[in-house]
Amino acid sequence: MKLKLNDKKFSENIKKLRKENGLTQEQIVAKMNVLGSPISRSTYSLIEMGKGNIFISDLVALQQIFKTDFFKFFEGISTER
């Protein structure tokens, strides 16, 4: 199942968390692959740019990699559509 998240703030939050953890996109993808995700760096890059959708299972993998609460992914996102 895919979770459609094309929100700019969501993408910014993912990128911020990655940088706070001192990781490159390649390192994130390698860690996700170890956790069972077949995601590629190009697909991950699209997610960080707000142009790609993310699987819920990949969001769970990122939560484990960043060792953070899920709300960190959604900080600053408006409830307005």
N, C-alpha and C. Protein backbone atom coordinates (compact mmCIF):
# COMPACT_ATOMS: atom_id res chain seq x y z
N MET A 1 0.84 -1.17 0.00
CA MET A 1 0.00 0.00 0.00
C MET A 1 0.89 1.24 0.00
N LYS A 2 0.53 2.21 -0.83
CA LYS A 2 1.26 3.47 -0.87
C LYS A 2 0.51 4.52 -0.07
N LEU A 3 1.27 5.37 0.54
CA LEU A 3 0.74 6.51 1.25
C LEU A 3 1.13 7.71 0.41
N LYS A 4 0.16 8.44 -0.11
CA LYS A 4 0.48 9.56 -0.98
C LYS A 4 0.85 10.77 -0.15
N LEU A 5 2.08 11.15 -0.23
CA LEU A 5 2.58 12.31 0.49
C LEU A 5 3.40 13.16 -0.46
N ASN A 6 2.76 14.10 -1.08
CA ASN A 6 3.47 15.03 -1.95
C ASN A 6 3.53 16.41 -1.31
N ASP A 7 3.47 16.45 0.00
CA ASP A 7 3.50 17.70 0.73
C ASP A 7 4.94 18.21 0.82
N LYS A 8 5.13 19.47 0.50
CA LYS A 8 6.49 20.05 0.53
C LYS A 8 7.10 19.95 1.92
N LYS A 9 6.32 20.23 2.95
CA LYS A 9 6.84 20.20 4.32
C LYS A 9 7.25 18.78 4.72
N PHE A 10 6.47 17.78 4.31
CA PHE A 10 6.82 16.39 4.59
C PHE A 10 8.19 16.08 3.98
N SER A 11 8.38 16.47 2.73
CA SER A 11 9.65 16.23 2.04
C SER A 11 10.80 16.95 2.75
N GLU A 12 10.56 18.18 3.17
CA GLU A 12 11.58 18.94 3.90
C GLU A 12 11.93 18.24 5.21
N ASN A 13 10.91 17.71 5.89
CA ASN A 13 11.14 17.02 7.17
C ASN A 13 11.99 15.77 6.98
N ILE A 14 11.72 15.01 5.93
CA ILE A 14 12.50 13.80 5.65
C ILE A 14 13.96 14.18 5.39
N LYS A 15 14.17 15.19 4.57
CA LYS A 15 15.52 15.63 4.25
C LYS A 15 16.24 16.14 5.50
N LYS A 16 15.53 16.92 6.30
CA LYS A 16 16.11 17.46 7.54
C LYS A 16 16.54 16.33 8.47
N LEU A 17 15.69 15.33 8.64
CA LEU A 17 16.02 14.19 9.51
C LEU A 17 17.25 13.45 9.00
N ARG A 18 17.32 13.29 7.68
CA ARG A 18 18.48 12.61 7.10
C ARG A 18 19.76 13.38 7.39
N LYS A 19 19.71 14.68 7.17
CA LYS A 19 20.90 15.50 7.40
C LYS A 19 21.27 15.56 8.88
N GLU A 20 20.27 15.63 9.76
CA GLU A 20 20.53 15.64 11.20
C GLU A 20 21.24 14.36 11.64
N ASN A 21 20.97 13.28 10.92
CA ASN A 21 21.60 11.99 11.23
C ASN A 21 22.92 11.80 10.48
N GLY A 22 23.33 12.82 9.72
CA GLY A 22 24.60 12.77 9.02
C GLY A 22 24.69 11.70 7.96
N LEU A 23 23.56 11.44 7.28
CA LEU A 23 23.52 10.37 6.29
C LEU A 23 23.28 10.92 4.89
N THR A 24 23.86 10.27 3.91
CA THR A 24 23.60 10.59 2.51
C THR A 24 22.37 9.82 2.05
N GLN A 25 21.85 10.20 0.90
CA GLN A 25 20.73 9.44 0.34
C GLN A 25 21.15 8.00 0.09
N GLU A 26 22.35 7.79 -0.39
CA GLU A 26 22.84 6.44 -0.66
C GLU A 26 22.88 5.61 0.62
N GLN A 27 23.31 6.21 1.71
CA GLN A 27 23.36 5.49 2.99
C GLN A 27 21.96 5.15 3.49
N ILE A 28 21.03 6.08 3.34
CA ILE A 28 19.63 5.82 3.75
C ILE A 28 19.08 4.66 2.95
N VAL A 29 19.27 4.70 1.64
CA VAL A 29 18.75 3.64 0.77
C VAL A 29 19.37 2.29 1.13
N ALA A 30 20.66 2.27 1.41
CA ALA A 30 21.33 1.02 1.80
C ALA A 30 20.73 0.46 3.08
N LYS A 31 20.48 1.33 4.05
CA LYS A 31 19.87 0.89 5.31
C LYS A 31 18.43 0.39 5.09
N MET A 32 17.69 1.08 4.22
CA MET A 32 16.33 0.65 3.92
C MET A 32 16.34 -0.70 3.22
N ASN A 33 17.30 -0.90 2.31
CA ASN A 33 17.42 -2.18 1.61
C ASN A 33 17.67 -3.32 2.60
N VAL A 34 18.52 -3.08 3.59
CA VAL A 34 18.80 -4.09 4.62
C VAL A 34 17.52 -4.43 5.39
N LEU A 35 16.66 -3.42 5.58
CA LEU A 35 15.40 -3.64 6.30
C LEU A 35 14.32 -4.27 5.41
N GLY A 36 14.64 -4.51 4.14
CA GLY A 36 13.71 -5.22 3.25
C GLY A 36 13.06 -4.37 2.18
N SER A 37 13.35 -3.09 2.14
CA SER A 37 12.77 -2.23 1.12
C SER A 37 13.61 -2.29 -0.17
N PRO A 38 12.96 -2.46 -1.32
CA PRO A 38 13.69 -2.47 -2.58
C PRO A 38 13.88 -1.07 -3.17
N ILE A 39 13.70 -0.03 -2.38
CA ILE A 39 13.75 1.35 -2.87
C ILE A 39 15.11 1.66 -3.48
N SER A 40 15.10 2.47 -4.54
CA SER A 40 16.34 2.92 -5.19
C SER A 40 16.65 4.34 -4.74
N ARG A 41 17.87 4.78 -5.00
CA ARG A 41 18.24 6.14 -4.62
C ARG A 41 17.43 7.15 -5.41
N SER A 42 17.16 6.87 -6.67
CA SER A 42 16.39 7.81 -7.49
C SER A 42 14.96 7.95 -6.97
N THR A 43 14.36 6.86 -6.53
CA THR A 43 13.02 6.91 -5.95
C THR A 43 13.04 7.67 -4.63
N TYR A 44 14.05 7.40 -3.80
CA TYR A 44 14.17 8.12 -2.53
C TYR A 44 14.35 9.62 -2.78
N SER A 45 15.16 9.97 -3.78
CA SER A 45 15.38 11.36 -4.13
C SER A 45 14.08 12.05 -4.50
N LEU A 46 13.24 11.36 -5.26
CA LEU A 46 11.93 11.93 -5.64
C LEU A 46 11.08 12.20 -4.40
N ILE A 47 11.15 11.32 -3.41
CA ILE A 47 10.39 11.52 -2.17
C ILE A 47 10.89 12.78 -1.46
N GLU A 48 12.21 12.96 -1.38
CA GLU A 48 12.76 14.15 -0.73
C GLU A 48 12.43 15.43 -1.50
N MET A 49 12.22 15.32 -2.80
CA MET A 49 11.86 16.48 -3.60
C MET A 49 10.36 16.75 -3.60
N GLY A 50 9.58 15.84 -2.98
CA GLY A 50 8.13 16.01 -2.95
C GLY A 50 7.46 15.60 -4.24
N LYS A 51 8.15 14.80 -5.05
CA LYS A 51 7.62 14.39 -6.34
C LYS A 51 7.30 12.90 -6.40
N GLY A 52 7.54 12.19 -5.32
CA GLY A 52 7.31 10.75 -5.32
C GLY A 52 6.44 10.33 -4.14
N ASN A 53 5.77 9.24 -4.32
CA ASN A 53 4.97 8.66 -3.25
C ASN A 53 5.83 7.72 -2.43
N ILE A 54 5.40 7.44 -1.22
CA ILE A 54 6.16 6.57 -0.33
C ILE A 54 5.28 5.43 0.15
N PHE A 55 5.84 4.25 0.19
CA PHE A 55 5.14 3.12 0.78
C PHE A 55 5.12 3.29 2.29
N ILE A 56 4.04 2.90 2.90
CA ILE A 56 3.94 2.98 4.36
C ILE A 56 5.08 2.20 5.00
N SER A 57 5.41 1.05 4.44
CA SER A 57 6.50 0.23 4.99
C SER A 57 7.84 0.98 4.91
N ASP A 58 8.02 1.81 3.88
CA ASP A 58 9.25 2.60 3.79
C ASP A 58 9.27 3.71 4.83
N LEU A 59 8.12 4.27 5.14
CA LEU A 59 8.03 5.27 6.20
C LEU A 59 8.38 4.63 7.55
N VAL A 60 7.94 3.42 7.76
CA VAL A 60 8.28 2.68 8.99
C VAL A 60 9.79 2.44 9.04
N ALA A 61 10.38 2.09 7.90
CA ALA A 61 11.84 1.87 7.86
C ALA A 61 12.58 3.16 8.20
N LEU A 62 12.13 4.28 7.65
CA LEU A 62 12.77 5.56 7.95
C LEU A 62 12.65 5.90 9.43
N GLN A 63 11.52 5.61 10.01
CA GLN A 63 11.31 5.87 11.44
C GLN A 63 12.32 5.07 12.26
N GLN A 64 12.57 3.84 11.87
CA GLN A 64 13.54 3.00 12.57
C GLN A 64 14.97 3.51 12.36
N ILE A 65 15.28 3.92 11.15
CA ILE A 65 16.62 4.41 10.84
C ILE A 65 16.91 5.70 11.60
N PHE A 66 15.94 6.62 11.59
CA PHE A 66 16.13 7.90 12.26
C PHE A 66 15.91 7.83 13.77
N LYS A 67 15.34 6.71 14.23
CA LYS A 67 15.05 6.54 15.66
C LYS A 67 14.27 7.75 16.19
N THR A 68 13.17 8.03 15.53
CA THR A 68 12.36 9.20 15.88
C THR A 68 10.89 8.81 15.93
N ASP A 69 10.09 9.71 16.45
CA ASP A 69 8.65 9.50 16.46
C ASP A 69 8.08 9.85 15.08
N PHE A 70 6.99 9.23 14.72
CA PHE A 70 6.38 9.49 13.42
C PHE A 70 5.96 10.94 13.26
N PHE A 71 5.59 11.60 14.35
CA PHE A 71 5.13 12.98 14.23
C PHE A 71 6.20 13.90 13.64
N LYS A 72 7.47 13.53 13.76
CA LYS A 72 8.56 14.34 13.20
C LYS A 72 8.44 14.45 11.67
N PHE A 73 7.87 13.44 11.04
CA PHE A 73 7.71 13.46 9.59
C PHE A 73 6.65 14.48 9.17
N PHE A 74 5.71 14.75 10.08
CA PHE A 74 4.54 15.55 9.75
C PHE A 74 4.52 16.93 10.41
N GLU A 75 5.61 17.30 11.08
CA GLU A 75 5.67 18.60 11.76
C GLU A 75 5.46 19.73 10.75
N GLY A 76 4.61 20.68 11.12
CA GLY A 76 4.40 21.87 10.30
C GLY A 76 3.48 21.68 9.11
N ILE A 77 2.87 20.50 8.99
CA ILE A 77 1.96 20.26 7.86
C ILE A 77 0.57 20.76 8.25
N SER A 78 0.02 21.59 7.40
CA SER A 78 -1.31 22.17 7.64
C SER A 78 -2.40 21.12 7.47
N THR A 79 -3.49 21.30 8.17
CA THR A 79 -4.64 20.41 8.00
C THR A 79 -5.52 20.85 6.83
N GLU A 80 -5.22 22.01 6.26
CA GLU A 80 -6.00 22.49 5.12
C GLU A 80 -5.57 21.78 3.85
N ARG A 81 -6.53 21.59 2.96
CA ARG A 81 -6.23 20.94 1.67
C ARG A 81 -6.12 21.95 0.58
